[in-house]
Amino acid sequence: MSPGTRVYTRHRARWLENLVNKNNWKQGVEIGVFKGTTFKHLIENCPHLQLTGVDVFCSDHDWRRKKITTTEDLNNFPAIRWYKDLLEFCEKYPDRAILWRDFSNLAYQRIEDNSLDFIFIDASHDYDSVLEDIKCWDPKVKKGGMVSGHDINQLQVRKAVQAYQSNFKKAQDNIWYYEK
């Protein structure tokens, strides 16, 4: 277990770990990796999982203020200090831990429809961003898979999830999810 992982192992990371292992899921995407606590936990505790993490790895305020809209411009913009540590972590799991420094509404194009077992959305928390993430990524999840995310307790997140899928369920640690 990585340092810093312990806080989340009782919550969303452990919840996801149990589902991944129980369902023998092999392909997943975490949208909004932040410091990588959940990402690292899943890689370390789900030995058959290939997980792609998508994040801008800078504050929303910074890239919006600079009007950065392309992947190329984003990758030329300074990343948060823990990004390098996450890349080094991924080197230990070269076939299973993949990081993309990209906007979620661009990165989804790299993934085939109906190819993922699950997605976990925890990126920007404003209504438009959450709804766009669900719309972009939902088609990537195969039938029987799961679309999920964090912070259903936040009004904008809840409204966006409800706008797309009114039959979602809730789990511990403010998780929302629905099965495909």
C-alpha atoms as a PDB file:
ATOM      1  CA  MET A   1       0.000   0.000   0.000  1.00  0.00           C
ATOM      2  CA  SER A   2       1.329   3.437  -0.931  1.00  0.00           C
ATOM      3  CA  PRO A   3       1.851   6.143   1.654  1.00  0.00           C
ATOM      4  CA  GLY A   4      -1.278   8.244   1.840  1.00  0.00           C
ATOM      5  CA  THR A   5      -3.527   5.443   0.581  1.00  0.00           C
ATOM      6  CA  ARG A   6      -4.802   4.432   4.010  1.00  0.00           C
ATOM      7  CA  VAL A   7      -7.276   7.314   4.278  1.00  0.00           C
ATOM      8  CA  TYR A   8      -9.213   6.151   1.233  1.00  0.00           C
ATOM      9  CA  THR A   9      -9.029   2.381   1.622  1.00  0.00           C
ATOM     10  CA  ARG A  10     -12.150   2.432   3.779  1.00  0.00           C
ATOM     11  CA  HIS A  11     -13.975   4.454   1.152  1.00  0.00           C
ATOM     12  CA  ARG A  12     -14.081   4.729  -2.630  1.00  0.00           C
ATOM     13  CA  ALA A  13     -10.793   2.960  -3.360  1.00  0.00           C
ATOM     14  CA  ARG A  14     -11.773  -0.086  -1.309  1.00  0.00           C
ATOM     15  CA  TRP A  15     -15.299  -0.032  -2.753  1.00  0.00           C
ATOM     16  CA  LEU A  16     -13.901   0.021  -6.300  1.00  0.00           C
ATOM     17  CA  GLU A  17     -11.304  -2.623  -5.457  1.00  0.00           C
ATOM     18  CA  ASN A  18     -14.018  -4.991  -4.237  1.00  0.00           C
ATOM     19  CA  LEU A  19     -16.077  -4.515  -7.407  1.00  0.00           C
ATOM     20  CA  VAL A  20     -13.099  -4.910  -9.726  1.00  0.00           C
ATOM     21  CA  ASN A  21     -11.959  -8.118  -8.063  1.00  0.00           C
ATOM     22  CA  LYS A  22     -15.468  -9.564  -7.570  1.00  0.00           C
ATOM     23  CA  ASN A  23     -16.401  -8.971 -11.221  1.00  0.00           C
ATOM     24  CA  ASN A  24     -12.944  -9.822 -12.590  1.00  0.00           C
ATOM     25  CA  TRP A  25     -12.864  -6.492 -14.406  1.00  0.00           C
ATOM     26  CA  LYS A  26      -9.797  -5.960 -16.555  1.00  0.00           C
ATOM     27  CA  GLN A  27     -10.187  -2.471 -18.088  1.00  0.00           C
ATOM     28  CA  GLY A  28     -11.055   0.745 -16.318  1.00  0.00           C
ATOM     29  CA  VAL A  29     -10.573   4.494 -16.472  1.00  0.00           C
ATOM     30  CA  GLU A  30     -10.364   6.957 -13.614  1.00  0.00           C
ATOM     31  CA  ILE A  31     -11.216  10.471 -14.756  1.00  0.00           C
ATOM     32  CA  GLY A  32      -9.759  12.975 -12.326  1.00  0.00           C
ATOM     33  CA  VAL A  33      -6.773  11.277 -10.711  1.00  0.00           C
ATOM     34  CA  PHE A  34      -5.625  14.221  -8.564  1.00  0.00           C
ATOM     35  CA  LYS A  35      -2.821  12.893  -6.324  1.00  0.00           C
ATOM     36  CA  GLY A  36      -3.419   9.303  -7.408  1.00  0.00           C
ATOM     37  CA  THR A  37      -4.579   7.793  -4.132  1.00  0.00           C
ATOM     38  CA  THR A  38      -7.418   5.762  -5.655  1.00  0.00           C
ATOM     39  CA  PHE A  39      -5.431   5.058  -8.823  1.00  0.00           C
ATOM     40  CA  LYS A  40      -2.480   3.625  -6.888  1.00  0.00           C
ATOM     41  CA  HIS A  41      -4.707   1.628  -4.576  1.00  0.00           C
ATOM     42  CA  LEU A  42      -6.484  -0.056  -7.491  1.00  0.00           C
ATOM     43  CA  ILE A  43      -3.251  -0.908  -9.281  1.00  0.00           C
ATOM     44  CA  GLU A  44      -1.707  -2.336  -6.118  1.00  0.00           C
ATOM     45  CA  ASN A  45      -4.785  -4.351  -5.096  1.00  0.00           C
ATOM     46  CA  CYS A  46      -6.301  -5.467  -8.403  1.00  0.00           C
ATOM     47  CA  PRO A  47      -3.565  -7.510 -10.109  1.00  0.00           C
ATOM     48  CA  HIS A  48      -5.506  -8.138 -13.336  1.00  0.00           C
ATOM     49  CA  LEU A  49      -6.648  -4.567 -13.867  1.00  0.00           C
ATOM     50  CA  GLN A  50      -5.303  -2.235 -16.523  1.00  0.00           C
ATOM     51  CA  LEU A  51      -6.241   1.256 -15.345  1.00  0.00           C
ATOM     52  CA  THR A  52      -5.933   4.456 -17.327  1.00  0.00           C
ATOM     53  CA  GLY A  53      -5.921   7.681 -15.348  1.00  0.00           C
ATOM     54  CA  VAL A  54      -6.951  10.900 -17.079  1.00  0.00           C
ATOM     55  CA  ASP A  55      -6.278  14.293 -15.529  1.00  0.00           C
ATOM     56  CA  VAL A  56      -5.042  17.749 -16.499  1.00  0.00           C
ATOM     57  CA  PHE A  57      -2.605  17.616 -13.569  1.00  0.00           C
ATOM     58  CA  CYS A  58      -2.906  21.323 -12.919  1.00  0.00           C
ATOM     59  CA  SER A  59      -5.613  23.348 -11.232  1.00  0.00           C
ATOM     60  CA  ASP A  60      -8.793  24.064 -13.171  1.00  0.00           C
ATOM     61  CA  HIS A  61      -8.288  27.721 -12.312  1.00  0.00           C
ATOM     62  CA  ASP A  62      -4.838  27.747 -13.973  1.00  0.00           C
ATOM     63  CA  TRP A  63      -5.748  26.137 -17.291  1.00  0.00           C
ATOM     64  CA  ARG A  64      -8.985  28.103 -17.552  1.00  0.00           C
ATOM     65  CA  ARG A  65      -7.247  31.392 -16.771  1.00  0.00           C
ATOM     66  CA  LYS A  66      -4.626  30.674 -19.446  1.00  0.00           C
ATOM     67  CA  LYS A  67      -7.377  29.554 -21.859  1.00  0.00           C
ATOM     68  CA  ILE A  68      -5.650  26.240 -22.502  1.00  0.00           C
ATOM     69  CA  THR A  69      -7.890  24.065 -24.656  1.00  0.00           C
ATOM     70  CA  THR A  70      -5.624  21.613 -26.496  1.00  0.00           C
ATOM     71  CA  THR A  71      -3.732  18.567 -25.303  1.00  0.00           C
ATOM     72  CA  GLU A  72      -0.510  19.959 -26.732  1.00  0.00           C
ATOM     73  CA  ASP A  73      -0.851  23.276 -24.881  1.00  0.00           C
ATOM     74  CA  LEU A  74      -1.767  21.438 -21.683  1.00  0.00           C
ATOM     75  CA  ASN A  75       1.326  19.250 -21.904  1.00  0.00           C
ATOM     76  CA  ASN A  76       3.483  22.363 -22.330  1.00  0.00           C
ATOM     77  CA  PHE A  77       1.958  23.891 -19.186  1.00  0.00           C
ATOM     78  CA  PRO A  78       3.652  23.117 -15.822  1.00  0.00           C
ATOM     79  CA  ALA A  79       2.139  20.106 -14.071  1.00  0.00           C
ATOM     80  CA  ILE A  80       1.392  19.847 -10.368  1.00  0.00           C
ATOM     81  CA  ARG A  81       4.300  18.658  -8.258  1.00  0.00           C
ATOM     82  CA  TRP A  82       3.003  15.112  -7.661  1.00  0.00           C
ATOM     83  CA  TYR A  83       2.595  14.322 -11.380  1.00  0.00           C
ATOM     84  CA  LYS A  84       6.228  13.188 -11.621  1.00  0.00           C
ATOM     85  CA  ASP A  85       5.710  10.816  -8.680  1.00  0.00           C
ATOM     86  CA  LEU A  86       2.668   9.324 -10.393  1.00  0.00           C
ATOM     87  CA  LEU A  87       4.653   8.763 -13.585  1.00  0.00           C
ATOM     88  CA  GLU A  88       7.352   7.013 -11.559  1.00  0.00           C
ATOM     89  CA  PHE A  89       4.687   4.848  -9.905  1.00  0.00           C
ATOM     90  CA  CYS A  90       3.375   3.856 -13.350  1.00  0.00           C
ATOM     91  CA  GLU A  91       6.857   2.752 -14.417  1.00  0.00           C
ATOM     92  CA  LYS A  92       6.590  -0.058 -11.844  1.00  0.00           C
ATOM     93  CA  TYR A  93       3.428  -1.326 -13.596  1.00  0.00           C
ATOM     94  CA  PRO A  94       4.122  -0.595 -17.268  1.00  0.00           C
ATOM     95  CA  ASP A  95       1.390  -2.851 -18.668  1.00  0.00           C
ATOM     96  CA  ARG A  96      -1.286  -1.926 -16.146  1.00  0.00           C
ATOM     97  CA  ALA A  97      -0.916   1.689 -14.973  1.00  0.00           C
ATOM     98  CA  ILE A  98      -1.366   4.314 -17.684  1.00  0.00           C
ATOM     99  CA  LEU A  99      -1.580   8.078 -17.184  1.00  0.00           C
ATOM    100  CA  TRP A 100      -2.842  10.522 -19.758  1.00  0.00           C
ATOM    101  CA  ARG A 101      -2.325  14.201 -19.154  1.00  0.00           C
ATOM    102  CA  ASP A 102      -5.290  15.406 -21.106  1.00  0.00           C
ATOM    103  CA  PHE A 103      -8.748  16.889 -20.898  1.00  0.00           C
ATOM    104  CA  SER A 104     -11.388  14.246 -20.262  1.00  0.00           C
ATOM    105  CA  ASN A 105     -13.539  15.608 -23.087  1.00  0.00           C
ATOM    106  CA  LEU A 106     -10.674  14.915 -25.513  1.00  0.00           C
ATOM    107  CA  ALA A 107      -9.144  11.749 -24.050  1.00  0.00           C
ATOM    108  CA  TYR A 108     -12.309   9.682 -24.406  1.00  0.00           C
ATOM    109  CA  GLN A 109     -11.735   9.607 -28.177  1.00  0.00           C
ATOM    110  CA  ARG A 110      -8.742   7.291 -27.648  1.00  0.00           C
ATOM    111  CA  ILE A 111     -10.949   4.555 -26.183  1.00  0.00           C
ATOM    112  CA  GLU A 112     -13.182   2.256 -28.231  1.00  0.00           C
ATOM    113  CA  ASP A 113     -16.876   2.173 -27.449  1.00  0.00           C
ATOM    114  CA  ASN A 114     -18.024  -0.779 -25.328  1.00  0.00           C
ATOM    115  CA  SER A 115     -14.463  -1.654 -24.301  1.00  0.00           C
ATOM    116  CA  LEU A 116     -14.304  -0.691 -20.613  1.00  0.00           C
ATOM    117  CA  ASP A 117     -15.562  -2.560 -17.584  1.00  0.00           C
ATOM    118  CA  PHE A 118     -15.931   0.644 -15.570  1.00  0.00           C
ATOM    119  CA  ILE A 119     -15.244   4.340 -15.367  1.00  0.00           C
ATOM    120  CA  PHE A 120     -14.941   6.466 -12.261  1.00  0.00           C
ATOM    121  CA  ILE A 121     -15.535  10.194 -12.731  1.00  0.00           C
ATOM    122  CA  ASP A 122     -14.048  12.590 -10.190  1.00  0.00           C
ATOM    123  CA  ALA A 123     -12.744  15.518 -12.260  1.00  0.00           C
ATOM    124  CA  SER A 124     -14.264  19.015 -12.492  1.00  0.00           C
ATOM    125  CA  HIS A 125     -17.362  19.253 -10.322  1.00  0.00           C
ATOM    126  CA  ASP A 126     -19.426  21.893 -12.119  1.00  0.00           C
ATOM    127  CA  TYR A 127     -22.662  20.789 -13.785  1.00  0.00           C
ATOM    128  CA  ASP A 128     -21.519  21.173 -17.403  1.00  0.00           C
ATOM    129  CA  SER A 129     -18.229  19.336 -16.869  1.00  0.00           C
ATOM    130  CA  VAL A 130     -19.795  16.402 -15.025  1.00  0.00           C
ATOM    131  CA  LEU A 131     -22.561  16.023 -17.595  1.00  0.00           C
ATOM    132  CA  GLU A 132     -20.061  16.221 -20.445  1.00  0.00           C
ATOM    133  CA  ASP A 133     -17.853  13.580 -18.820  1.00  0.00           C
ATOM    134  CA  ILE A 134     -20.793  11.214 -18.431  1.00  0.00           C
ATOM    135  CA  LYS A 135     -21.942  11.790 -22.025  1.00  0.00           C
ATOM    136  CA  CYS A 136     -18.438  11.292 -23.424  1.00  0.00           C
ATOM    137  CA  TRP A 137     -17.461   8.269 -21.353  1.00  0.00           C
ATOM    138  CA  ASP A 138     -20.715   6.323 -20.901  1.00  0.00           C
ATOM    139  CA  PRO A 139     -20.529   4.809 -24.434  1.00  0.00           C
ATOM    140  CA  LYS A 140     -17.053   3.470 -23.632  1.00  0.00           C
ATOM    141  CA  VAL A 141     -18.429   1.128 -20.952  1.00  0.00           C
ATOM    142  CA  LYS A 142     -19.649  -2.266 -22.111  1.00  0.00           C
ATOM    143  CA  LYS A 143     -22.974  -3.821 -21.183  1.00  0.00           C
ATOM    144  CA  GLY A 144     -22.775  -5.179 -17.656  1.00  0.00           C
ATOM    145  CA  GLY A 145     -20.125  -2.599 -16.734  1.00  0.00           C
ATOM    146  CA  MET A 146     -20.424   0.366 -14.429  1.00  0.00           C
ATOM    147  CA  VAL A 147     -20.438   4.138 -14.800  1.00  0.00           C
ATOM    148  CA  SER A 148     -19.593   5.739 -11.483  1.00  0.00           C
ATOM    149  CA  GLY A 149     -18.192   8.789  -9.821  1.00  0.00           C
ATOM    150  CA  HIS A 150     -17.642  10.736  -6.666  1.00  0.00           C
ATOM    151  CA  ASP A 151     -19.206  13.663  -4.811  1.00  0.00           C
ATOM    152  CA  ILE A 152     -22.914  13.031  -5.379  1.00  0.00           C
ATOM    153  CA  ASN A 153     -23.370  15.156  -2.245  1.00  0.00           C
ATOM    154  CA  GLN A 154     -22.412  18.239  -4.271  1.00  0.00           C
ATOM    155  CA  LEU A 155     -25.426  19.888  -5.883  1.00  0.00           C
ATOM    156  CA  GLN A 156     -23.903  20.422  -9.345  1.00  0.00           C
ATOM    157  CA  VAL A 157     -22.650  16.834  -9.507  1.00  0.00           C
ATOM    158  CA  ARG A 158     -26.016  15.436  -8.391  1.00  0.00           C
ATOM    159  CA  LYS A 159     -27.938  17.559 -10.928  1.00  0.00           C
ATOM    160  CA  ALA A 160     -25.667  16.439 -13.771  1.00  0.00           C
ATOM    161  CA  VAL A 161     -25.914  12.755 -12.845  1.00  0.00           C
ATOM    162  CA  GLN A 162     -29.710  13.011 -12.525  1.00  0.00           C
ATOM    163  CA  ALA A 163     -29.953  14.775 -15.888  1.00  0.00           C
ATOM    164  CA  TYR A 164     -28.225  11.865 -17.607  1.00  0.00           C
ATOM    165  CA  GLN A 165     -29.355   8.866 -15.548  1.00  0.00           C
ATOM    166  CA  SER A 166     -32.184   9.218 -13.093  1.00  0.00           C
ATOM    167  CA  ASN A 167     -31.865   5.594 -11.912  1.00  0.00           C
ATOM    168  CA  PHE A 168     -28.424   5.904 -10.352  1.00  0.00           C
ATOM    169  CA  LYS A 169     -27.559   4.402  -6.994  1.00  0.00           C
ATOM    170  CA  LYS A 170     -25.501   5.732  -4.116  1.00  0.00           C
ATOM    171  CA  ALA A 171     -22.742   4.051  -2.144  1.00  0.00           C
ATOM    172  CA  GLN A 172     -20.410   4.986   0.688  1.00  0.00           C
ATOM    173  CA  ASP A 173     -18.166   8.039   0.512  1.00  0.00           C
ATOM    174  CA  ASN A 174     -20.610   9.986  -1.728  1.00  0.00           C
ATOM    175  CA  ILE A 175     -20.245   7.594  -4.661  1.00  0.00           C
ATOM    176  CA  TRP A 176     -22.851   7.483  -7.413  1.00  0.00           C
ATOM    177  CA  TYR A 177     -23.103   4.687  -9.953  1.00  0.00           C
ATOM    178  CA  TYR A 178     -25.272   2.862 -12.437  1.00  0.00           C
ATOM    179  CA  GLU A 179     -24.872  -0.372 -14.309  1.00  0.00           C
ATOM    180  CA  LYS A 180     -24.999  -0.483 -18.076  1.00  0.00           C
END
